[in-house]
């Protein structure tokens, strides 16, 4: 592993401070332990692809639910596998679900990219998440000019495009620095990126779906859950939508307490996501996935 540059060392110092906020490192350690236990589940000795595919089904269902689109798991599974066709005319809920399905599937494909070219990974995730609702050159690129975003209004007004560009550049630097070091827990890095995308809202539409998809990709790319079987999105749902949104709002306020609240809650969500991965693995071993 090459030595960090001075700029990367400074970024890692800042991230280490965040990891030492109250409860954050404790929750990150618990998430690492839960993912380690998941990795050694008996079912994952030979059947990781099957379990990981089911994880993406449950992740897509949960991500859509966090955007207000709730669907039964069997419906999501059939749509993702192709056993059920998408209707020709999609209502808003189905458009959200289609974006969640596509972004969650794409998260697997950008795992090898997100460590070194995170902005390219973000663009690919946005194309997947927003193709059902965004047309033209706004797809796959951050907002420019006078383009606005009306999503996640509880977090306050979306930053101007000029601010978006600067914050995305900084976020890219953070990911690359963290990927080249083991100083900062992967849970903290993935959660920070999730919250920053939600707070900055770089795209005209689909930011929540993209934020959760890149967290999933980073959890795997940074080695926290190399199997891809944990379901971080389900972990966020498990605490309740209002708590999820409230913690993101606290993060967006910019204070250390709010950032710490989000990071601690995200660590707890990752523990629940690993537990969901255990349930998937149990079902795979028993042959009970339907």
C-alpha atoms as a PDB file:
ATOM      1  CA  UNK A   1       0.000   0.000   0.000  1.00  0.00           C
ATOM      2  CA  UNK A   2       1.655   3.305  -1.082  1.00  0.00           C
ATOM      3  CA  UNK A   3       2.325   6.005   1.470  1.00  0.00           C
ATOM      4  CA  UNK A   4      -0.360   8.667   1.782  1.00  0.00           C
ATOM      5  CA  UNK A   5       0.395  12.107   0.392  1.00  0.00           C
ATOM      6  CA  UNK A   6       0.455  15.043   2.850  1.00  0.00           C
ATOM      7  CA  UNK A   7      -3.005  16.075   1.639  1.00  0.00           C
ATOM      8  CA  UNK A   8      -4.347  12.561   2.147  1.00  0.00           C
ATOM      9  CA  UNK A   9      -2.786  12.376   5.592  1.00  0.00           C
ATOM     10  CA  UNK A  10      -4.560  15.593   6.540  1.00  0.00           C
ATOM     11  CA  UNK A  11      -7.873  14.183   5.319  1.00  0.00           C
ATOM     12  CA  UNK A  12      -7.327  10.980   7.274  1.00  0.00           C
ATOM     13  CA  UNK A  13      -6.574  13.050  10.395  1.00  0.00           C
ATOM     14  CA  UNK A  14      -9.914  14.808   9.972  1.00  0.00           C
ATOM     15  CA  UNK A  15     -11.749  11.518   9.452  1.00  0.00           C
ATOM     16  CA  UNK A  16     -10.097  10.041  12.537  1.00  0.00           C
ATOM     17  CA  UNK A  17     -11.493  12.924  14.588  1.00  0.00           C
ATOM     18  CA  UNK A  18     -14.989  12.076  13.353  1.00  0.00           C
ATOM     19  CA  UNK A  19     -14.469   8.431  14.251  1.00  0.00           C
ATOM     20  CA  UNK A  20     -13.691   9.471  17.805  1.00  0.00           C
ATOM     21  CA  UNK A  21     -16.991  11.311  18.304  1.00  0.00           C
ATOM     22  CA  UNK A  22     -19.192   9.769  21.035  1.00  0.00           C
ATOM     23  CA  UNK A  23     -20.402   6.228  20.243  1.00  0.00           C
ATOM     24  CA  UNK A  24     -19.069   6.285  16.669  1.00  0.00           C
ATOM     25  CA  UNK A  25     -16.054   3.997  17.006  1.00  0.00           C
ATOM     26  CA  UNK A  26     -17.942   1.646  19.326  1.00  0.00           C
ATOM     27  CA  UNK A  27     -20.700   1.221  16.744  1.00  0.00           C
ATOM     28  CA  UNK A  28     -18.152   0.863  13.938  1.00  0.00           C
ATOM     29  CA  UNK A  29     -16.363  -1.888  15.876  1.00  0.00           C
ATOM     30  CA  UNK A  30     -19.683  -3.653  16.421  1.00  0.00           C
ATOM     31  CA  UNK A  31     -20.433  -3.417  12.686  1.00  0.00           C
ATOM     32  CA  UNK A  32     -17.027  -4.858  11.808  1.00  0.00           C
ATOM     33  CA  UNK A  33     -17.564  -7.762  14.202  1.00  0.00           C
ATOM     34  CA  UNK A  34     -21.056  -8.431  12.814  1.00  0.00           C
ATOM     35  CA  UNK A  35     -19.753  -8.449   9.245  1.00  0.00           C
ATOM     36  CA  UNK A  36     -16.874 -10.743  10.217  1.00  0.00           C
ATOM     37  CA  UNK A  37     -19.350 -13.217  11.677  1.00  0.00           C
ATOM     38  CA  UNK A  38     -21.432 -12.997   8.503  1.00  0.00           C
ATOM     39  CA  UNK A  39     -18.406 -13.692   6.313  1.00  0.00           C
ATOM     40  CA  UNK A  40     -17.870 -17.045   7.994  1.00  0.00           C
ATOM     41  CA  UNK A  41     -21.461 -18.218   7.718  1.00  0.00           C
ATOM     42  CA  UNK A  42     -21.554 -21.810   6.507  1.00  0.00           C
ATOM     43  CA  UNK A  43     -23.810 -20.962   3.561  1.00  0.00           C
ATOM     44  CA  UNK A  44     -21.267 -18.511   2.185  1.00  0.00           C
ATOM     45  CA  UNK A  45     -18.578 -21.110   1.650  1.00  0.00           C
ATOM     46  CA  UNK A  46     -20.008 -21.916  -1.774  1.00  0.00           C
ATOM     47  CA  UNK A  47     -23.179 -19.895  -2.283  1.00  0.00           C
ATOM     48  CA  UNK A  48     -22.128 -16.260  -2.014  1.00  0.00           C
ATOM     49  CA  UNK A  49     -23.612 -15.275  -5.418  1.00  0.00           C
ATOM     50  CA  UNK A  50     -27.052 -16.577  -4.452  1.00  0.00           C
ATOM     51  CA  UNK A  51     -26.978 -14.840  -1.071  1.00  0.00           C
ATOM     52  CA  UNK A  52     -25.604 -11.597  -2.538  1.00  0.00           C
ATOM     53  CA  UNK A  53     -28.350 -11.538  -5.163  1.00  0.00           C
ATOM     54  CA  UNK A  54     -30.978 -11.812  -2.436  1.00  0.00           C
ATOM     55  CA  UNK A  55     -29.191  -9.052  -0.505  1.00  0.00           C
ATOM     56  CA  UNK A  56     -29.614  -6.760  -3.487  1.00  0.00           C
ATOM     57  CA  UNK A  57     -33.316  -7.632  -3.658  1.00  0.00           C
ATOM     58  CA  UNK A  58     -33.795  -6.701  -0.012  1.00  0.00           C
ATOM     59  CA  UNK A  59     -31.565  -3.663  -0.376  1.00  0.00           C
ATOM     60  CA  UNK A  60     -33.614  -2.361  -3.293  1.00  0.00           C
ATOM     61  CA  UNK A  61     -36.862  -2.925  -1.413  1.00  0.00           C
ATOM     62  CA  UNK A  62     -35.540  -1.042   1.614  1.00  0.00           C
ATOM     63  CA  UNK A  63     -34.033   1.809  -0.402  1.00  0.00           C
ATOM     64  CA  UNK A  64     -37.316   2.355  -2.234  1.00  0.00           C
ATOM     65  CA  UNK A  65     -39.189   2.284   1.082  1.00  0.00           C
ATOM     66  CA  UNK A  66     -36.940   5.040   2.455  1.00  0.00           C
ATOM     67  CA  UNK A  67     -38.083   7.144  -0.506  1.00  0.00           C
ATOM     68  CA  UNK A  68     -41.716   6.368   0.323  1.00  0.00           C
ATOM     69  CA  UNK A  69     -42.307   3.494  -2.109  1.00  0.00           C
ATOM     70  CA  UNK A  70     -43.173   0.301  -0.217  1.00  0.00           C
ATOM     71  CA  UNK A  71     -43.596  -2.992  -2.062  1.00  0.00           C
ATOM     72  CA  UNK A  72     -43.760  -6.658  -0.987  1.00  0.00           C
ATOM     73  CA  UNK A  73     -40.462  -8.498  -1.113  1.00  0.00           C
ATOM     74  CA  UNK A  74     -41.726 -11.139  -3.536  1.00  0.00           C
ATOM     75  CA  UNK A  75     -42.756  -8.432  -6.017  1.00  0.00           C
ATOM     76  CA  UNK A  76     -39.293  -6.823  -5.862  1.00  0.00           C
ATOM     77  CA  UNK A  77     -37.622 -10.218  -6.232  1.00  0.00           C
ATOM     78  CA  UNK A  78     -39.697 -11.076  -9.321  1.00  0.00           C
ATOM     79  CA  UNK A  79     -39.027  -7.694 -10.932  1.00  0.00           C
ATOM     80  CA  UNK A  80     -35.286  -7.953 -10.314  1.00  0.00           C
ATOM     81  CA  UNK A  81     -35.075 -11.501 -11.647  1.00  0.00           C
ATOM     82  CA  UNK A  82     -37.217 -10.805 -14.704  1.00  0.00           C
ATOM     83  CA  UNK A  83     -39.934 -13.205 -13.596  1.00  0.00           C
ATOM     84  CA  UNK A  84     -42.350 -10.249 -13.595  1.00  0.00           C
ATOM     85  CA  UNK A  85     -42.439  -7.540 -16.263  1.00  0.00           C
ATOM     86  CA  UNK A  86     -42.482  -3.859 -15.393  1.00  0.00           C
ATOM     87  CA  UNK A  87     -45.759  -2.192 -16.395  1.00  0.00           C
ATOM     88  CA  UNK A  88     -45.615   0.033 -19.468  1.00  0.00           C
ATOM     89  CA  UNK A  89     -46.898   2.990 -17.458  1.00  0.00           C
ATOM     90  CA  UNK A  90     -45.115   3.456 -14.131  1.00  0.00           C
ATOM     91  CA  UNK A  91     -46.755   5.366 -11.332  1.00  0.00           C
ATOM     92  CA  UNK A  92     -44.458   7.403  -9.031  1.00  0.00           C
ATOM     93  CA  UNK A  93     -44.006   4.517  -6.606  1.00  0.00           C
ATOM     94  CA  UNK A  94     -42.993   2.091  -9.338  1.00  0.00           C
ATOM     95  CA  UNK A  95     -40.618   4.662 -10.841  1.00  0.00           C
ATOM     96  CA  UNK A  96     -38.938   4.951  -7.454  1.00  0.00           C
ATOM     97  CA  UNK A  97     -38.757   1.178  -7.117  1.00  0.00           C
ATOM     98  CA  UNK A  98     -37.332   0.812 -10.620  1.00  0.00           C
ATOM     99  CA  UNK A  99     -34.631   3.332  -9.761  1.00  0.00           C
ATOM    100  CA  UNK A 100     -33.861   1.522  -6.503  1.00  0.00           C
ATOM    101  CA  UNK A 101     -33.640  -1.832  -8.289  1.00  0.00           C
ATOM    102  CA  UNK A 102     -31.324  -0.471 -10.978  1.00  0.00           C
ATOM    103  CA  UNK A 103     -29.087   1.481  -8.591  1.00  0.00           C
ATOM    104  CA  UNK A 104     -28.756  -1.425  -6.185  1.00  0.00           C
ATOM    105  CA  UNK A 105     -27.844  -3.758  -9.052  1.00  0.00           C
ATOM    106  CA  UNK A 106     -25.324  -1.228 -10.376  1.00  0.00           C
ATOM    107  CA  UNK A 107     -23.713  -0.927  -6.944  1.00  0.00           C
ATOM    108  CA  UNK A 108     -22.217  -4.383  -7.461  1.00  0.00           C
ATOM    109  CA  UNK A 109     -20.705  -3.327 -10.780  1.00  0.00           C
ATOM    110  CA  UNK A 110     -18.986  -0.207  -9.406  1.00  0.00           C
ATOM    111  CA  UNK A 111     -17.305  -1.929  -6.436  1.00  0.00           C
ATOM    112  CA  UNK A 112     -13.994  -2.113  -8.308  1.00  0.00           C
ATOM    113  CA  UNK A 113     -14.329   1.510  -9.458  1.00  0.00           C
ATOM    114  CA  UNK A 114     -15.468   3.392  -6.384  1.00  0.00           C
ATOM    115  CA  UNK A 115     -12.119   3.253  -4.543  1.00  0.00           C
ATOM    116  CA  UNK A 116     -10.169   4.991  -7.288  1.00  0.00           C
ATOM    117  CA  UNK A 117     -12.735   6.863  -9.406  1.00  0.00           C
ATOM    118  CA  UNK A 118     -15.629   7.649  -7.067  1.00  0.00           C
ATOM    119  CA  UNK A 119     -17.134  10.388  -9.239  1.00  0.00           C
ATOM    120  CA  UNK A 120     -17.384   7.976 -12.163  1.00  0.00           C
ATOM    121  CA  UNK A 121     -19.086   5.501  -9.854  1.00  0.00           C
ATOM    122  CA  UNK A 122     -21.523   8.194  -8.748  1.00  0.00           C
ATOM    123  CA  UNK A 123     -22.349   9.048 -12.353  1.00  0.00           C
ATOM    124  CA  UNK A 124     -23.064   5.410 -13.167  1.00  0.00           C
ATOM    125  CA  UNK A 125     -25.241   5.016 -10.086  1.00  0.00           C
ATOM    126  CA  UNK A 126     -27.209   8.123 -11.016  1.00  0.00           C
ATOM    127  CA  UNK A 127     -27.828   6.863 -14.546  1.00  0.00           C
ATOM    128  CA  UNK A 128     -29.203   3.683 -13.016  1.00  0.00           C
ATOM    129  CA  UNK A 129     -31.249   5.387 -10.306  1.00  0.00           C
ATOM    130  CA  UNK A 130     -32.816   8.169 -12.332  1.00  0.00           C
ATOM    131  CA  UNK A 131     -33.284   6.870 -15.887  1.00  0.00           C
ATOM    132  CA  UNK A 132     -37.004   6.413 -15.272  1.00  0.00           C
ATOM    133  CA  UNK A 133     -37.531  10.076 -14.409  1.00  0.00           C
ATOM    134  CA  UNK A 134     -34.615  12.171 -15.700  1.00  0.00           C
ATOM    135  CA  UNK A 135     -34.076  12.796 -19.389  1.00  0.00           C
ATOM    136  CA  UNK A 136     -31.522  14.670 -21.431  1.00  0.00           C
ATOM    137  CA  UNK A 137     -28.050  15.658 -20.333  1.00  0.00           C
ATOM    138  CA  UNK A 138     -28.998  15.956 -16.643  1.00  0.00           C
ATOM    139  CA  UNK A 139     -28.687  12.186 -16.355  1.00  0.00           C
ATOM    140  CA  UNK A 140     -25.400  11.016 -14.889  1.00  0.00           C
ATOM    141  CA  UNK A 141     -23.966  14.436 -14.089  1.00  0.00           C
ATOM    142  CA  UNK A 142     -24.185  16.890 -11.174  1.00  0.00           C
ATOM    143  CA  UNK A 143     -26.451  19.923 -11.317  1.00  0.00           C
ATOM    144  CA  UNK A 144     -25.210  22.954 -13.258  1.00  0.00           C
ATOM    145  CA  UNK A 145     -26.365  26.495 -13.960  1.00  0.00           C
ATOM    146  CA  UNK A 146     -29.717  27.200 -12.341  1.00  0.00           C
ATOM    147  CA  UNK A 147     -30.688  23.548 -11.850  1.00  0.00           C
ATOM    148  CA  UNK A 148     -32.208  22.903  -8.435  1.00  0.00           C
ATOM    149  CA  UNK A 149     -33.250  19.856  -6.426  1.00  0.00           C
ATOM    150  CA  UNK A 150     -36.434  19.620  -4.383  1.00  0.00           C
ATOM    151  CA  UNK A 151     -35.675  16.291  -2.700  1.00  0.00           C
ATOM    152  CA  UNK A 152     -34.972  15.806   1.031  1.00  0.00           C
ATOM    153  CA  UNK A 153     -36.365  19.216   1.881  1.00  0.00           C
ATOM    154  CA  UNK A 154     -36.114  18.512   5.630  1.00  0.00           C
ATOM    155  CA  UNK A 155     -32.345  18.845   5.260  1.00  0.00           C
ATOM    156  CA  UNK A 156     -32.714  22.467   4.169  1.00  0.00           C
ATOM    157  CA  UNK A 157     -32.232  24.058   0.748  1.00  0.00           C
ATOM    158  CA  UNK A 158     -30.028  22.145  -1.666  1.00  0.00           C
ATOM    159  CA  UNK A 159     -26.629  23.804  -2.127  1.00  0.00           C
ATOM    160  CA  UNK A 160     -26.014  25.756  -5.342  1.00  0.00           C
ATOM    161  CA  UNK A 161     -24.328  23.880  -8.203  1.00  0.00           C
ATOM    162  CA  UNK A 162     -21.055  25.765  -7.632  1.00  0.00           C
ATOM    163  CA  UNK A 163     -20.989  24.448  -4.057  1.00  0.00           C
ATOM    164  CA  UNK A 164     -21.908  20.967  -5.256  1.00  0.00           C
ATOM    165  CA  UNK A 165     -18.864  20.789  -7.521  1.00  0.00           C
ATOM    166  CA  UNK A 166     -16.477  21.721  -4.713  1.00  0.00           C
ATOM    167  CA  UNK A 167     -18.001  19.328  -2.199  1.00  0.00           C
ATOM    168  CA  UNK A 168     -18.014  16.432  -4.646  1.00  0.00           C
ATOM    169  CA  UNK A 169     -14.335  17.040  -5.373  1.00  0.00           C
ATOM    170  CA  UNK A 170     -13.597  16.985  -1.644  1.00  0.00           C
ATOM    171  CA  UNK A 171     -15.689  13.859  -1.186  1.00  0.00           C
ATOM    172  CA  UNK A 172     -13.787  12.111  -3.964  1.00  0.00           C
ATOM    173  CA  UNK A 173     -10.513  12.979  -2.226  1.00  0.00           C
ATOM    174  CA  UNK A 174     -11.873  11.564   1.040  1.00  0.00           C
ATOM    175  CA  UNK A 175     -12.840   8.250  -0.555  1.00  0.00           C
ATOM    176  CA  UNK A 176      -9.520   7.809  -2.333  1.00  0.00           C
ATOM    177  CA  UNK A 177      -7.562   8.662   0.829  1.00  0.00           C
ATOM    178  CA  UNK A 178      -9.641   6.332   2.997  1.00  0.00           C
ATOM    179  CA  UNK A 179      -9.392   3.496   0.463  1.00  0.00           C
ATOM    180  CA  UNK A 180      -5.613   3.599   0.708  1.00  0.00           C
ATOM    181  CA  UNK A 181      -5.490   3.389   4.502  1.00  0.00           C
ATOM    182  CA  UNK A 182      -6.919   1.364   7.355  1.00  0.00           C
ATOM    183  CA  UNK A 183      -6.896   4.265   9.821  1.00  0.00           C
ATOM    184  CA  UNK A 184     -10.607   5.040   9.547  1.00  0.00           C
ATOM    185  CA  UNK A 185     -13.325   2.368   9.947  1.00  0.00           C
ATOM    186  CA  UNK A 186     -15.041   1.492   6.689  1.00  0.00           C
ATOM    187  CA  UNK A 187     -18.418   1.977   8.357  1.00  0.00           C
ATOM    188  CA  UNK A 188     -17.540   5.601   9.082  1.00  0.00           C
ATOM    189  CA  UNK A 189     -16.334   6.287   5.555  1.00  0.00           C
ATOM    190  CA  UNK A 190     -19.364   4.673   3.883  1.00  0.00           C
ATOM    191  CA  UNK A 191     -21.794   6.450   6.203  1.00  0.00           C
ATOM    192  CA  UNK A 192     -20.085   9.805   5.699  1.00  0.00           C
ATOM    193  CA  UNK A 193     -20.332   9.463   1.920  1.00  0.00           C
ATOM    194  CA  UNK A 194     -23.993   8.421   2.184  1.00  0.00           C
ATOM    195  CA  UNK A 195     -24.848  11.485   4.270  1.00  0.00           C
ATOM    196  CA  UNK A 196     -22.808  13.884   2.160  1.00  0.00           C
ATOM    197  CA  UNK A 197     -24.569  12.843  -1.046  1.00  0.00           C
ATOM    198  CA  UNK A 198     -27.930  13.230   0.683  1.00  0.00           C
ATOM    199  CA  UNK A 199     -26.990  16.653   2.088  1.00  0.00           C
ATOM    200  CA  UNK A 200     -25.396  18.041  -1.085  1.00  0.00           C
ATOM    201  CA  UNK A 201     -28.026  16.552  -3.420  1.00  0.00           C
ATOM    202  CA  UNK A 202     -25.732  16.778  -6.442  1.00  0.00           C
ATOM    203  CA  UNK A 203     -28.341  15.528  -8.913  1.00  0.00           C
ATOM    204  CA  UNK A 204     -31.687  16.907  -9.994  1.00  0.00           C
ATOM    205  CA  UNK A 205     -33.398  13.710  -8.871  1.00  0.00           C
ATOM    206  CA  UNK A 206     -32.546  10.345  -7.298  1.00  0.00           C
ATOM    207  CA  UNK A 207     -30.087  11.499  -4.639  1.00  0.00           C
ATOM    208  CA  UNK A 208     -31.364   9.262  -1.841  1.00  0.00           C
ATOM    209  CA  UNK A 209     -31.191   6.176  -4.038  1.00  0.00           C
ATOM    210  CA  UNK A 210     -27.661   7.088  -5.143  1.00  0.00           C
ATOM    211  CA  UNK A 211     -26.532   7.798  -1.573  1.00  0.00           C
ATOM    212  CA  UNK A 212     -27.660   4.387  -0.365  1.00  0.00           C
ATOM    213  CA  UNK A 213     -26.244   2.600  -3.415  1.00  0.00           C
ATOM    214  CA  UNK A 214     -22.794   4.112  -3.001  1.00  0.00           C
ATOM    215  CA  UNK A 215     -22.818   3.227   0.695  1.00  0.00           C
ATOM    216  CA  UNK A 216     -23.519  -0.385  -0.314  1.00  0.00           C
ATOM    217  CA  UNK A 217     -20.671  -0.304  -2.849  1.00  0.00           C
ATOM    218  CA  UNK A 218     -18.230   1.181  -0.336  1.00  0.00           C
ATOM    219  CA  UNK A 219     -19.136  -1.325   2.372  1.00  0.00           C
ATOM    220  CA  UNK A 220     -17.940  -4.016  -0.008  1.00  0.00           C
ATOM    221  CA  UNK A 221     -15.082  -2.128  -1.679  1.00  0.00           C
ATOM    222  CA  UNK A 222     -13.497  -1.089   1.624  1.00  0.00           C
ATOM    223  CA  UNK A 223     -13.538  -4.660   2.904  1.00  0.00           C
ATOM    224  CA  UNK A 224     -16.197  -4.373   5.601  1.00  0.00           C
ATOM    225  CA  UNK A 225     -18.445  -6.931   3.905  1.00  0.00           C
ATOM    226  CA  UNK A 226     -16.519  -8.475   1.045  1.00  0.00           C
ATOM    227  CA  UNK A 227     -19.346 -10.931   0.344  1.00  0.00           C
ATOM    228  CA  UNK A 228     -21.919  -8.259  -0.504  1.00  0.00           C
ATOM    229  CA  UNK A 229     -24.502 -10.153   1.554  1.00  0.00           C
ATOM    230  CA  UNK A 230     -25.123  -7.559   4.286  1.00  0.00           C
ATOM    231  CA  UNK A 231     -28.079  -5.233   3.664  1.00  0.00           C
ATOM    232  CA  UNK A 232     -27.191  -1.749   4.957  1.00  0.00           C
ATOM    233  CA  UNK A 233     -30.379  -0.290   3.462  1.00  0.00           C
ATOM    234  CA  UNK A 234     -32.498  -2.638   5.586  1.00  0.00           C
ATOM    235  CA  UNK A 235     -30.501  -1.519   8.598  1.00  0.00           C
ATOM    236  CA  UNK A 236     -31.566   2.073   7.979  1.00  0.00           C
ATOM    237  CA  UNK A 237     -35.196   1.029   7.540  1.00  0.00           C
ATOM    238  CA  UNK A 238     -35.016  -0.927  10.795  1.00  0.00           C
ATOM    239  CA  UNK A 239     -34.564   2.230  12.816  1.00  0.00           C
ATOM    240  CA  UNK A 240     -37.575   3.814  11.143  1.00  0.00           C
ATOM    241  CA  UNK A 241     -37.841   6.322   8.315  1.00  0.00           C
ATOM    242  CA  UNK A 242     -38.272   9.351  10.615  1.00  0.00           C
ATOM    243  CA  UNK A 243     -35.143   8.444  12.586  1.00  0.00           C
ATOM    244  CA  UNK A 244     -33.193   7.962   9.358  1.00  0.00           C
ATOM    245  CA  UNK A 245     -34.287  11.330   8.006  1.00  0.00           C
ATOM    246  CA  UNK A 246     -33.765  12.988  11.364  1.00  0.00           C
ATOM    247  CA  UNK A 247     -30.188  11.764  11.601  1.00  0.00           C
ATOM    248  CA  UNK A 248     -29.463  12.956   8.057  1.00  0.00           C
ATOM    249  CA  UNK A 249     -30.930  16.337   8.972  1.00  0.00           C
ATOM    250  CA  UNK A 250     -28.675  16.449  12.025  1.00  0.00           C
ATOM    251  CA  UNK A 251     -25.675  15.701   9.797  1.00  0.00           C
ATOM    252  CA  UNK A 252     -26.670  18.441   7.342  1.00  0.00           C
ATOM    253  CA  UNK A 253     -26.760  21.000  10.184  1.00  0.00           C
ATOM    254  CA  UNK A 254     -22.970  20.833  10.138  1.00  0.00           C
ATOM    255  CA  UNK A 255     -22.263  20.556  13.866  1.00  0.00           C
ATOM    256  CA  UNK A 256     -20.091  17.871  15.425  1.00  0.00           C
ATOM    257  CA  UNK A 257     -23.018  16.568  17.477  1.00  0.00           C
ATOM    258  CA  UNK A 258     -25.173  16.119  14.384  1.00  0.00           C
ATOM    259  CA  UNK A 259     -22.403  14.416  12.433  1.00  0.00           C
ATOM    260  CA  UNK A 260     -21.718  12.123  15.367  1.00  0.00           C
ATOM    261  CA  UNK A 261     -25.414  11.286  15.696  1.00  0.00           C
ATOM    262  CA  UNK A 262     -25.595  10.233  12.057  1.00  0.00           C
ATOM    263  CA  UNK A 263     -22.358   8.225  12.124  1.00  0.00           C
ATOM    264  CA  UNK A 264     -23.360   6.386  15.290  1.00  0.00           C
ATOM    265  CA  UNK A 265     -26.829   5.622  13.940  1.00  0.00           C
ATOM    266  CA  UNK A 266     -25.347   4.441  10.633  1.00  0.00           C
ATOM    267  CA  UNK A 267     -23.009   2.109  12.525  1.00  0.00           C
ATOM    268  CA  UNK A 268     -25.985   0.664  14.333  1.00  0.00           C
ATOM    269  CA  UNK A 269     -27.772   0.289  10.992  1.00  0.00           C
ATOM    270  CA  UNK A 270     -24.797  -1.638   9.632  1.00  0.00           C
ATOM    271  CA  UNK A 271     -25.045  -4.086  12.525  1.00  0.00           C
ATOM    272  CA  UNK A 272     -28.703  -4.625  11.611  1.00  0.00           C
ATOM    273  CA  UNK A 273     -27.734  -4.925   7.946  1.00  0.00           C
ATOM    274  CA  UNK A 274     -25.288  -7.699   8.808  1.00  0.00           C
ATOM    275  CA  UNK A 275     -28.015  -9.437  10.818  1.00  0.00           C
ATOM    276  CA  UNK A 276     -30.244  -9.299   7.733  1.00  0.00           C
ATOM    277  CA  UNK A 277     -27.375 -10.888   5.829  1.00  0.00           C
ATOM    278  CA  UNK A 278     -27.306 -13.667   8.414  1.00  0.00           C
ATOM    279  CA  UNK A 279     -31.022 -14.276   7.865  1.00  0.00           C
ATOM    280  CA  UNK A 280     -30.450 -14.425   4.112  1.00  0.00           C
ATOM    281  CA  UNK A 281     -27.616 -16.903   4.610  1.00  0.00           C
ATOM    282  CA  UNK A 282     -29.757 -19.044   6.901  1.00  0.00           C
ATOM    283  CA  UNK A 283     -32.473 -19.119   4.247  1.00  0.00           C
ATOM    284  CA  UNK A 284     -29.977 -19.997   1.504  1.00  0.00           C
ATOM    285  CA  UNK A 285     -28.564 -22.845   3.586  1.00  0.00           C
ATOM    286  CA  UNK A 286     -32.087 -24.160   4.276  1.00  0.00           C
ATOM    287  CA  UNK A 287     -33.215 -23.726   0.668  1.00  0.00           C
ATOM    288  CA  UNK A 288     -36.033 -21.416   1.742  1.00  0.00           C
ATOM    289  CA  UNK A 289     -35.517 -18.446  -0.584  1.00  0.00           C
ATOM    290  CA  UNK A 290     -38.542 -17.959  -2.791  1.00  0.00           C
END
